[in-house]
PDB file of N, CA and C in Angstrom:
ATOM      1  N   MET A   1      23.055  -7.527  -0.631  1.00  0.00           N
ATOM      2  CA  MET A   1      23.070  -8.216   0.714  1.00  0.00           C
ATOM      3  C   MET A   1      23.657  -9.633   0.689  1.00  0.00           C
ATOM      4  N   SER A   2      24.256  -9.912  -0.388  1.00  0.00           N
ATOM      5  CA  SER A   2      24.847 -11.220  -0.458  1.00  0.00           C
ATOM      6  C   SER A   2      26.350 -11.199  -0.227  1.00  0.00           C
ATOM      7  N   THR A   3      26.885 -12.334   0.315  1.00  0.00           N
ATOM      8  CA  THR A   3      28.279 -12.360   0.341  1.00  0.00           C
ATOM      9  C   THR A   3      28.754 -13.052  -0.922  1.00  0.00           C
ATOM     10  N   LEU A   4      29.988 -13.274  -0.913  1.00  0.00           N
ATOM     11  CA  LEU A   4      30.664 -13.856  -2.133  1.00  0.00           C
ATOM     12  C   LEU A   4      30.009 -15.349  -2.351  1.00  0.00           C
ATOM     13  N   THR A   5      29.663 -15.977  -1.433  1.00  0.00           N
ATOM     14  CA  THR A   5      29.110 -17.355  -1.543  1.00  0.00           C
ATOM     15  C   THR A   5      27.750 -17.335  -1.938  1.00  0.00           C
ATOM     16  N   GLY A   6      27.127 -16.173  -1.943  1.00  0.00           N
ATOM     17  CA  GLY A   6      25.695 -16.071  -2.433  1.00  0.00           C
ATOM     18  C   GLY A   6      24.615 -16.335  -1.259  1.00  0.00           C
ATOM     19  N   ILE A   7      25.097 -16.438   0.022  1.00  0.00           N
ATOM     20  CA  ILE A   7      24.174 -16.674   1.111  1.00  0.00           C
ATOM     21  C   ILE A   7      23.818 -15.386   1.774  1.00  0.00           C
ATOM     22  N   ASP A   8      22.528 -15.117   1.778  1.00  0.00           N
ATOM     23  CA  ASP A   8      21.978 -13.795   2.175  1.00  0.00           C
ATOM     24  C   ASP A   8      21.907 -13.870   3.690  1.00  0.00           C
ATOM     25  N   ILE A   9      22.488 -12.892   4.264  1.00  0.00           N
ATOM     26  CA  ILE A   9      22.497 -12.884   5.770  1.00  0.00           C
ATOM     27  C   ILE A   9      21.038 -12.649   6.431  1.00  0.00           C
ATOM     28  N   ARG A  10      20.157 -12.186   5.575  1.00  0.00           N
ATOM     29  CA  ARG A  10      18.755 -12.075   6.130  1.00  0.00           C
ATOM     30  C   ARG A  10      18.100 -13.424   6.343  1.00  0.00           C
ATOM     31  N   TYR A  11      18.446 -14.451   5.769  1.00  0.00           N
ATOM     32  CA  TYR A  11      17.872 -15.727   6.153  1.00  0.00           C
ATOM     33  C   TYR A  11      18.238 -16.220   7.546  1.00  0.00           C
ATOM     34  N   PRO A  12      19.530 -16.351   8.056  1.00  0.00           N
ATOM     35  CA  PRO A  12      19.704 -16.679   9.402  1.00  0.00           C
ATOM     36  C   PRO A  12      19.072 -15.856  10.450  1.00  0.00           C
ATOM     37  N   ILE A  13      19.300 -14.515  10.146  1.00  0.00           N
ATOM     38  CA  ILE A  13      18.831 -13.489  11.059  1.00  0.00           C
ATOM     39  C   ILE A  13      17.183 -13.604  11.063  1.00  0.00           C
ATOM     40  N   GLY A  14      16.576 -13.721  10.084  1.00  0.00           N
ATOM     41  CA  GLY A  14      15.023 -13.828  10.080  1.00  0.00           C
ATOM     42  C   GLY A  14      14.575 -15.085  10.731  1.00  0.00           C
ATOM     43  N   GLY A  15      15.315 -16.193  10.412  1.00  0.00           N
ATOM     44  CA  GLY A  15      15.102 -17.384  11.147  1.00  0.00           C
ATOM     45  C   GLY A  15      15.133 -17.413  12.572  1.00  0.00           C
ATOM     46  N   LEU A  16      16.204 -16.750  13.049  1.00  0.00           N
ATOM     47  CA  LEU A  16      16.433 -16.623  14.462  1.00  0.00           C
ATOM     48  C   LEU A  16      15.326 -15.804  15.022  1.00  0.00           C
ATOM     49  N   PHE A  17      15.106 -14.705  14.515  1.00  0.00           N
ATOM     50  CA  PHE A  17      14.059 -13.849  15.155  1.00  0.00           C
ATOM     51  C   PHE A  17      12.648 -14.457  15.066  1.00  0.00           C
ATOM     52  N   THR A  18      12.415 -15.222  14.043  1.00  0.00           N
ATOM     53  CA  THR A  18      11.127 -15.883  13.914  1.00  0.00           C
ATOM     54  C   THR A  18      11.050 -16.923  14.969  1.00  0.00           C
ATOM     55  N   ALA A  19      11.954 -17.677  15.148  1.00  0.00           N
ATOM     56  CA  ALA A  19      11.988 -18.780  16.171  1.00  0.00           C
ATOM     57  C   ALA A  19      11.933 -18.118  17.605  1.00  0.00           C
ATOM     58  N   LEU A  20      12.734 -17.168  17.856  1.00  0.00           N
ATOM     59  CA  LEU A  20      12.562 -16.568  19.201  1.00  0.00           C
ATOM     60  C   LEU A  20      11.228 -15.849  19.419  1.00  0.00           C
ATOM     61  N   GLY A  21      10.782 -15.292  18.468  1.00  0.00           N
ATOM     62  CA  GLY A  21       9.342 -14.711  18.558  1.00  0.00           C
ATOM     63  C   GLY A  21       8.303 -15.646  18.897  1.00  0.00           C
ATOM     64  N   LEU A  22       8.390 -16.785  18.146  1.00  0.00           N
ATOM     65  CA  LEU A  22       7.462 -17.819  18.437  1.00  0.00           C
ATOM     66  C   LEU A  22       7.583 -18.328  19.903  1.00  0.00           C
ATOM     67  N   LEU A  23       8.711 -18.582  20.334  1.00  0.00           N
ATOM     68  CA  LEU A  23       8.979 -19.080  21.701  1.00  0.00           C
ATOM     69  C   LEU A  23       8.546 -18.043  22.751  1.00  0.00           C
ATOM     70  N   ILE A  24       8.990 -16.767  22.696  1.00  0.00           N
ATOM     71  CA  ILE A  24       8.626 -15.731  23.615  1.00  0.00           C
ATOM     72  C   ILE A  24       7.081 -15.547  23.525  1.00  0.00           C
ATOM     73  N   GLY A  25       6.491 -15.369  22.288  1.00  0.00           N
ATOM     74  CA  GLY A  25       5.161 -15.229  22.231  1.00  0.00           C
ATOM     75  C   GLY A  25       4.343 -16.238  22.705  1.00  0.00           C
ATOM     76  N   GLY A  26       4.774 -17.560  22.509  1.00  0.00           N
ATOM     77  CA  GLY A  26       4.200 -18.669  23.066  1.00  0.00           C
ATOM     78  C   GLY A  26       4.065 -18.739  24.591  1.00  0.00           C
ATOM     79  N   TYR A  27       5.321 -18.138  25.264  1.00  0.00           N
ATOM     80  CA  TYR A  27       5.457 -18.144  26.649  1.00  0.00           C
ATOM     81  C   TYR A  27       4.445 -17.066  27.185  1.00  0.00           C
ATOM     82  N   GLY A  28       4.282 -16.026  26.403  1.00  0.00           N
ATOM     83  CA  GLY A  28       3.329 -14.998  26.858  1.00  0.00           C
ATOM     84  C   GLY A  28       1.833 -15.402  26.704  1.00  0.00           C
ATOM     85  N   ILE A  29       1.647 -16.271  25.778  1.00  0.00           N
ATOM     86  CA  ILE A  29       0.280 -16.793  25.755  1.00  0.00           C
ATOM     87  C   ILE A  29       0.063 -17.801  26.893  1.00  0.00           C
ATOM     88  N   ALA A  30       1.008 -18.579  27.101  1.00  0.00           N
ATOM     89  CA  ALA A  30       0.863 -19.727  28.214  1.00  0.00           C
ATOM     90  C   ALA A  30       0.741 -18.913  29.551  1.00  0.00           C
ATOM     91  N   THR A  31       1.288 -17.729  29.778  1.00  0.00           N
ATOM     92  CA  THR A  31       1.278 -17.195  30.983  1.00  0.00           C
ATOM     93  C   THR A  31       0.276 -16.013  31.110  1.00  0.00           C
ATOM     94  N   ALA A  32      -0.635 -15.892  30.102  1.00  0.00           N
ATOM     95  CA  ALA A  32      -1.660 -14.827  30.069  1.00  0.00           C
ATOM     96  C   ALA A  32      -2.538 -14.698  31.181  1.00  0.00           C
ATOM     97  N   GLY A  33      -2.810 -15.933  31.841  1.00  0.00           N
ATOM     98  CA  GLY A  33      -3.779 -15.887  32.909  1.00  0.00           C
ATOM     99  C   GLY A  33      -3.137 -15.698  34.149  1.00  0.00           C
ATOM    100  N   ASP A  34      -1.921 -15.649  34.348  1.00  0.00           N
ATOM    101  CA  ASP A  34      -1.190 -15.476  35.736  1.00  0.00           C
ATOM    102  C   ASP A  34      -0.982 -14.007  35.985  1.00  0.00           C
ATOM    103  N   ALA A  35      -1.801 -13.417  36.690  1.00  0.00           N
ATOM    104  CA  ALA A  35      -1.617 -12.007  36.980  1.00  0.00           C
ATOM    105  C   ALA A  35      -0.350 -11.681  37.888  1.00  0.00           C
ATOM    106  N   ALA A  36       0.099 -12.666  38.709  1.00  0.00           N
ATOM    107  CA  ALA A  36       1.101 -12.438  39.432  1.00  0.00           C
ATOM    108  C   ALA A  36       2.406 -12.400  38.699  1.00  0.00           C
ATOM    109  N   VAL A  37       2.508 -12.934  37.528  1.00  0.00           N
ATOM    110  CA  VAL A  37       3.806 -12.719  36.617  1.00  0.00           C
ATOM    111  C   VAL A  37       3.925 -11.422  36.099  1.00  0.00           C
ATOM    112  N   TYR A  38       2.828 -10.732  35.806  1.00  0.00           N
ATOM    113  CA  TYR A  38       2.810  -9.344  35.219  1.00  0.00           C
ATOM    114  C   TYR A  38       2.407  -8.295  36.125  1.00  0.00           C
ATOM    115  N   ALA A  39       2.409  -8.500  37.482  1.00  0.00           N
ATOM    116  CA  ALA A  39       1.869  -7.590  38.421  1.00  0.00           C
ATOM    117  C   ALA A  39       2.701  -6.294  38.524  1.00  0.00           C
ATOM    118  N   ARG A  40       4.046  -6.493  38.435  1.00  0.00           N
ATOM    119  CA  ARG A  40       4.927  -5.241  38.371  1.00  0.00           C
ATOM    120  C   ARG A  40       4.860  -4.521  37.115  1.00  0.00           C
ATOM    121  N   LEU A  41       4.272  -5.054  36.025  1.00  0.00           N
ATOM    122  CA  LEU A  41       4.219  -4.357  34.773  1.00  0.00           C
ATOM    123  C   LEU A  41       2.801  -3.771  34.506  1.00  0.00           C
ATOM    124  N   ASP A  42       2.011  -3.712  35.663  1.00  0.00           N
ATOM    125  CA  ASP A  42       0.571  -3.123  35.593  1.00  0.00           C
ATOM    126  C   ASP A  42      -0.279  -4.067  34.643  1.00  0.00           C
ATOM    127  N   GLY A  43      -0.026  -5.450  34.611  1.00  0.00           N
ATOM    128  CA  GLY A  43      -0.747  -6.322  33.881  1.00  0.00           C
ATOM    129  C   GLY A  43      -0.487  -6.317  32.399  1.00  0.00           C
ATOM    130  N   LEU A  44       0.580  -5.735  31.874  1.00  0.00           N
ATOM    131  CA  LEU A  44       0.996  -5.679  30.438  1.00  0.00           C
ATOM    132  C   LEU A  44       1.839  -6.958  30.224  1.00  0.00           C
ATOM    133  N   ASN A  45       1.387  -7.696  29.286  1.00  0.00           N
ATOM    134  CA  ASN A  45       1.932  -9.068  28.927  1.00  0.00           C
ATOM    135  C   ASN A  45       3.075  -8.726  28.043  1.00  0.00           C
ATOM    136  N   VAL A  46       4.154  -8.422  28.427  1.00  0.00           N
ATOM    137  CA  VAL A  46       5.328  -8.018  27.686  1.00  0.00           C
ATOM    138  C   VAL A  46       5.854  -9.079  26.923  1.00  0.00           C
ATOM    139  N   ASN A  47       5.836 -10.264  27.396  1.00  0.00           N
ATOM    140  CA  ASN A  47       6.352 -11.588  26.592  1.00  0.00           C
ATOM    141  C   ASN A  47       5.538 -11.717  25.300  1.00  0.00           C
ATOM    142  N   LEU A  48       4.294 -11.423  25.338  1.00  0.00           N
ATOM    143  CA  LEU A  48       3.453 -11.576  24.142  1.00  0.00           C
ATOM    144  C   LEU A  48       3.788 -10.492  23.168  1.00  0.00           C
ATOM    145  N   TRP A  49       3.879  -9.320  23.624  1.00  0.00           N
ATOM    146  CA  TRP A  49       4.043  -8.188  22.663  1.00  0.00           C
ATOM    147  C   TRP A  49       5.460  -8.299  22.060  1.00  0.00           C
ATOM    148  N   TRP A  50       6.485  -8.426  22.817  1.00  0.00           N
ATOM    149  CA  TRP A  50       7.731  -8.556  22.152  1.00  0.00           C
ATOM    150  C   TRP A  50       7.877  -9.815  21.432  1.00  0.00           C
ATOM    151  N   GLY A  51       7.126 -10.989  21.601  1.00  0.00           N
ATOM    152  CA  GLY A  51       7.087 -12.082  20.818  1.00  0.00           C
ATOM    153  C   GLY A  51       6.515 -11.749  19.410  1.00  0.00           C
ATOM    154  N   ILE A  52       5.478 -10.985  19.462  1.00  0.00           N
ATOM    155  CA  ILE A  52       4.763 -10.458  18.174  1.00  0.00           C
ATOM    156  C   ILE A  52       5.775  -9.608  17.340  1.00  0.00           C
ATOM    157  N   VAL A  53       6.385  -8.706  18.099  1.00  0.00           N
ATOM    158  CA  VAL A  53       7.398  -7.662  17.365  1.00  0.00           C
ATOM    159  C   VAL A  53       8.584  -8.648  16.801  1.00  0.00           C
ATOM    160  N   MET A  54       9.103  -9.481  17.590  1.00  0.00           N
ATOM    161  CA  MET A  54      10.201 -10.323  17.078  1.00  0.00           C
ATOM    162  C   MET A  54       9.704 -11.307  15.816  1.00  0.00           C
ATOM    163  N   LEU A  55       8.555 -11.752  15.983  1.00  0.00           N
ATOM    164  CA  LEU A  55       8.107 -12.592  14.994  1.00  0.00           C
ATOM    165  C   LEU A  55       7.841 -11.837  13.637  1.00  0.00           C
ATOM    166  N   ALA A  56       7.363 -10.594  13.779  1.00  0.00           N
ATOM    167  CA  ALA A  56       7.058  -9.677  12.625  1.00  0.00           C
ATOM    168  C   ALA A  56       8.356  -9.226  11.953  1.00  0.00           C
ATOM    169  N   PHE A  57       9.435  -9.016  12.772  1.00  0.00           N
ATOM    170  CA  PHE A  57      10.795  -8.646  12.307  1.00  0.00           C
ATOM    171  C   PHE A  57      11.345  -9.925  11.491  1.00  0.00           C
ATOM    172  N   GLY A  58      11.250 -11.016  12.151  1.00  0.00           N
ATOM    173  CA  GLY A  58      11.818 -12.238  11.445  1.00  0.00           C
ATOM    174  C   GLY A  58      11.199 -12.431  10.196  1.00  0.00           C
ATOM    175  N   LEU A  59       9.861 -12.378  10.036  1.00  0.00           N
ATOM    176  CA  LEU A  59       9.081 -12.685   8.806  1.00  0.00           C
ATOM    177  C   LEU A  59       9.534 -11.611   7.822  1.00  0.00           C
ATOM    178  N   LEU A  60       9.629 -10.481   8.266  1.00  0.00           N
ATOM    179  CA  LEU A  60      10.092  -9.437   7.303  1.00  0.00           C
ATOM    180  C   LEU A  60      11.339  -9.509   6.805  1.00  0.00           C
ATOM    181  N   CYS A  61      12.269 -10.047   7.524  1.00  0.00           N
ATOM    182  CA  CYS A  61      13.772 -10.315   6.986  1.00  0.00           C
ATOM    183  C   CYS A  61      13.652 -11.531   5.973  1.00  0.00           C
ATOM    184  N   LEU A  62      12.866 -12.510   6.391  1.00  0.00           N
ATOM    185  CA  LEU A  62      12.777 -13.695   5.453  1.00  0.00           C
ATOM    186  C   LEU A  62      12.013 -13.312   4.268  1.00  0.00           C
ATOM    187  N   GLY A  63      11.030 -12.449   4.282  1.00  0.00           N
ATOM    188  CA  GLY A  63      10.360 -11.959   3.135  1.00  0.00           C
ATOM    189  C   GLY A  63      11.379 -11.276   2.119  1.00  0.00           C
ATOM    190  N   LEU A  64      12.045 -10.230   2.786  1.00  0.00           N
ATOM    191  CA  LEU A  64      12.881  -9.442   1.937  1.00  0.00           C
ATOM    192  C   LEU A  64      14.166 -10.317   1.373  1.00  0.00           C
ATOM    193  N   ALA A  65      14.678 -11.231   1.996  1.00  0.00           N
ATOM    194  CA  ALA A  65      15.497 -12.150   1.504  1.00  0.00           C
ATOM    195  C   ALA A  65      15.030 -13.109   0.291  1.00  0.00           C
ATOM    196  N   ARG A  66      13.843 -13.490   0.411  1.00  0.00           N
ATOM    197  CA  ARG A  66      13.124 -14.135  -0.589  1.00  0.00           C
ATOM    198  C   ARG A  66      12.965 -13.333  -1.843  1.00  0.00           C
ATOM    199  N   ARG A  67      12.414 -12.034  -1.611  1.00  0.00           N
ATOM    200  CA  ARG A  67      12.212 -11.148  -2.738  1.00  0.00           C
ATOM    201  C   ARG A  67      13.483 -10.819  -3.550  1.00  0.00           C
ATOM    202  N   SER A  68      14.550 -10.642  -2.717  1.00  0.00           N
ATOM    203  CA  SER A  68      15.759 -10.286  -3.426  1.00  0.00           C
ATOM    204  C   SER A  68      16.389 -11.464  -4.443  1.00  0.00           C
ATOM    205  N   GLU A  69      16.032 -12.628  -4.022  1.00  0.00           N
ATOM    206  CA  GLU A  69      16.367 -13.703  -5.005  1.00  0.00           C
ATOM    207  C   GLU A  69      15.543 -13.716  -6.385  1.00  0.00           C
ATOM    208  N   ALA A  70      14.384 -13.076  -6.341  1.00  0.00           N
ATOM    209  CA  ALA A  70      13.554 -13.033  -7.428  1.00  0.00           C
ATOM    210  C   ALA A  70      13.909 -11.825  -8.342  1.00  0.00           C
ATOM    211  N   THR A  71      14.678 -10.854  -7.856  1.00  0.00           N
ATOM    212  CA  THR A  71      15.017  -9.746  -8.652  1.00  0.00           C
ATOM    213  C   THR A  71      16.599  -9.900  -9.013  1.00  0.00           C
ATOM    214  N   PRO A  72      16.790  -9.856 -10.306  1.00  0.00           N
ATOM    215  CA  PRO A  72      18.307 -10.059 -10.686  1.00  0.00           C
ATOM    216  C   PRO A  72      18.989  -8.683 -10.447  1.00  0.00           C
ATOM    217  N   THR A  73      20.157  -8.844  -9.799  1.00  0.00           N
ATOM    218  CA  THR A  73      21.020  -7.614  -9.320  1.00  0.00           C
ATOM    219  C   THR A  73      21.970  -7.273 -10.586  1.00  0.00           C
ATOM    220  N   VAL A  74      22.157  -8.114 -11.420  1.00  0.00           N
ATOM    221  CA  VAL A  74      23.129  -7.837 -12.593  1.00  0.00           C
ATOM    222  C   VAL A  74      22.297  -7.667 -13.869  1.00  0.00           C
ATOM    223  N   ARG A  75      22.625  -6.661 -14.572  1.00  0.00           N
ATOM    224  CA  ARG A  75      21.944  -6.479 -15.865  1.00  0.00           C
ATOM    225  C   ARG A  75      22.770  -6.524 -16.990  1.00  0.00           C
ATOM    226  N   PRO A  76      22.416  -7.042 -18.124  1.00  0.00           N
ATOM    227  CA  PRO A  76      23.246  -7.011 -19.295  1.00  0.00           C
ATOM    228  C   PRO A  76      23.714  -5.660 -19.690  1.00  0.00           C
ATOM    229  N   SER A  77      24.903  -5.521 -20.115  1.00  0.00           N
ATOM    230  CA  SER A  77      25.530  -4.202 -20.369  1.00  0.00           C
ATOM    231  C   SER A  77      24.774  -3.569 -21.577  1.00  0.00           C
ATOM    232  N   GLY A  78      24.022  -4.226 -22.458  1.00  0.00           N
ATOM    233  CA  GLY A  78      23.383  -3.565 -23.536  1.00  0.00           C
ATOM    234  C   GLY A  78      22.131  -2.948 -23.156  1.00  0.00           C
ATOM    235  N   GLU A  79      21.637  -3.024 -21.876  1.00  0.00           N
ATOM    236  CA  GLU A  79      20.324  -2.352 -21.527  1.00  0.00           C
ATOM    237  C   GLU A  79      20.498  -0.935 -21.092  1.00  0.00           C
ATOM    238  N   SER A  80      21.804  -0.422 -20.833  1.00  0.00           N
ATOM    239  CA  SER A  80      21.867   1.015 -20.564  1.00  0.00           C
ATOM    240  C   SER A  80      22.779   1.691 -21.571  1.00  0.00           C
ATOM    241  N   ALA A  81      22.612   2.899 -21.624  1.00  0.00           N
ATOM    242  CA  ALA A  81      23.493   3.753 -22.611  1.00  0.00           C
ATOM    243  C   ALA A  81      24.922   3.784 -22.132  1.00  0.00           C
ATOM    244  N   GLU A  82      25.158   3.743 -20.877  1.00  0.00           N
ATOM    245  CA  GLU A  82      26.606   3.692 -20.463  1.00  0.00           C
ATOM    246  C   GLU A  82      27.253   2.290 -20.688  1.00  0.00           C
ATOM    247  N   GLY A  83      26.450   1.169 -20.475  1.00  0.00           N
ATOM    248  CA  GLY A  83      26.903  -0.120 -20.808  1.00  0.00           C
ATOM    249  C   GLY A  83      27.224  -0.259 -22.305  1.00  0.00           C
ATOM    250  N   ARG A  84      26.339   0.270 -23.207  1.00  0.00           N
ATOM    251  CA  ARG A  84      26.606   0.139 -24.640  1.00  0.00           C
ATOM    252  C   ARG A  84      27.782   0.868 -24.974  1.00  0.00           C
ATOM    253  N   ALA A  85      28.012   2.154 -24.433  1.00  0.00           N
ATOM    254  CA  ALA A  85      29.204   2.860 -24.688  1.00  0.00           C
ATOM    255  C   ALA A  85      30.484   2.101 -24.246  1.00  0.00           C
ATOM    256  N   ILE A  86      30.501   1.603 -23.147  1.00  0.00           N
ATOM    257  CA  ILE A  86      31.752   0.793 -22.648  1.00  0.00           C
ATOM    258  C   ILE A  86      31.917  -0.502 -23.571  1.00  0.00           C
ATOM    259  N   GLU A  87      30.844  -1.123 -23.898  1.00  0.00           N
ATOM    260  CA  GLU A  87      30.987  -2.253 -24.932  1.00  0.00           C
ATOM    261  C   GLU A  87      31.614  -1.817 -26.139  1.00  0.00           C
ATOM    262  N   GLN A  88      31.219  -0.681 -26.738  1.00  0.00           N
ATOM    263  CA  GLN A  88      31.693  -0.252 -28.058  1.00  0.00           C
ATOM    264  C   GLN A  88      33.237   0.095 -27.813  1.00  0.00           C
ATOM    265  N   SER A  89      33.535   0.787 -26.714  1.00  0.00           N
ATOM    266  CA  SER A  89      34.841   1.272 -26.473  1.00  0.00           C
ATOM    267  C   SER A  89      35.805   0.098 -26.446  1.00  0.00           C
ATOM    268  N   GLU A  90      35.327  -0.963 -25.707  1.00  0.00           N
ATOM    269  CA  GLU A  90      36.153  -2.176 -25.519  1.00  0.00           C
ATOM    270  C   GLU A  90      36.249  -2.953 -26.767  1.00  0.00           C
ATOM    271  N   THR A  91      35.453  -2.977 -27.689  1.00  0.00           N
ATOM    272  CA  THR A  91      35.479  -3.590 -28.950  1.00  0.00           C
ATOM    273  C   THR A  91      36.485  -2.879 -29.833  1.00  0.00           C
ATOM    274  N   ARG A  92      36.407  -1.514 -29.871  1.00  0.00           N
ATOM    275  CA  ARG A  92      37.369  -0.676 -30.565  1.00  0.00           C
ATOM    276  C   ARG A  92      38.749  -0.989 -30.256  1.00  0.00           C
ATOM    277  N   ARG A  93      38.919  -1.144 -28.888  1.00  0.00           N
ATOM    278  CA  ARG A  93      40.375  -1.125 -28.404  1.00  0.00           C
ATOM    279  C   ARG A  93      40.974  -2.664 -28.504  1.00  0.00           C
ATOM    280  N   GLY A  94      39.949  -3.480 -28.819  1.00  0.00           N
ATOM    281  CA  GLY A  94      40.324  -5.058 -29.005  1.00  0.00           C
ATOM    282  C   GLY A  94      40.385  -5.708 -27.619  1.00  0.00           C
ATOM    283  N   LEU A  95      39.786  -5.116 -26.752  1.00  0.00           N
ATOM    284  CA  LEU A  95      39.624  -5.789 -25.523  1.00  0.00           C
ATOM    285  C   LEU A  95      38.598  -6.883 -25.420  1.00  0.00           C
ATOM    286  N   GLU A  96      37.779  -6.834 -26.251  1.00  0.00           N
ATOM    287  CA  GLU A  96      36.558  -7.759 -26.227  1.00  0.00           C
ATOM    288  C   GLU A  96      36.384  -8.335 -27.733  1.00  0.00           C
ATOM    289  N   ARG A  97      36.087  -9.552 -27.764  1.00  0.00           N
ATOM    290  CA  ARG A  97      35.920 -10.119 -29.081  1.00  0.00           C
ATOM    291  C   ARG A  97      34.396 -10.474 -29.253  1.00  0.00           C
ATOM    292  N   ASN A  98      33.831  -9.959 -30.160  1.00  0.00           N
ATOM    293  CA  ASN A  98      32.517 -10.266 -30.538  1.00  0.00           C
ATOM    294  C   ASN A  98      32.350 -11.571 -31.394  1.00  0.00           C
ATOM    295  N   PRO A  99      31.493 -12.460 -31.199  1.00  0.00           N
ATOM    296  CA  PRO A  99      31.334 -13.725 -32.015  1.00  0.00           C
ATOM    297  C   PRO A  99      30.974 -13.390 -33.381  1.00  0.00           C
TER     298      PRO A  99
END
């Protein structure tokens, strides 16, 4: 999920959804006592619920981006049978020099 520059797209998306979730959820909390605002929705505080959903999604994106930094995506070629076979083939052909 990284681009060539190494910036994971989940960071800005997660930050955006986290900030919007906090804003919308905060507005839902601030207007929770006003029944006239939510009269057409049968009293359902939609701002609070969507704020919670957006906050959870943003935190999930940020957590996944953080977790992907901790796990390396590139393994040394000697760790797999295919990698060792390719290394030996390149060495025999003279494409790779071993120190």
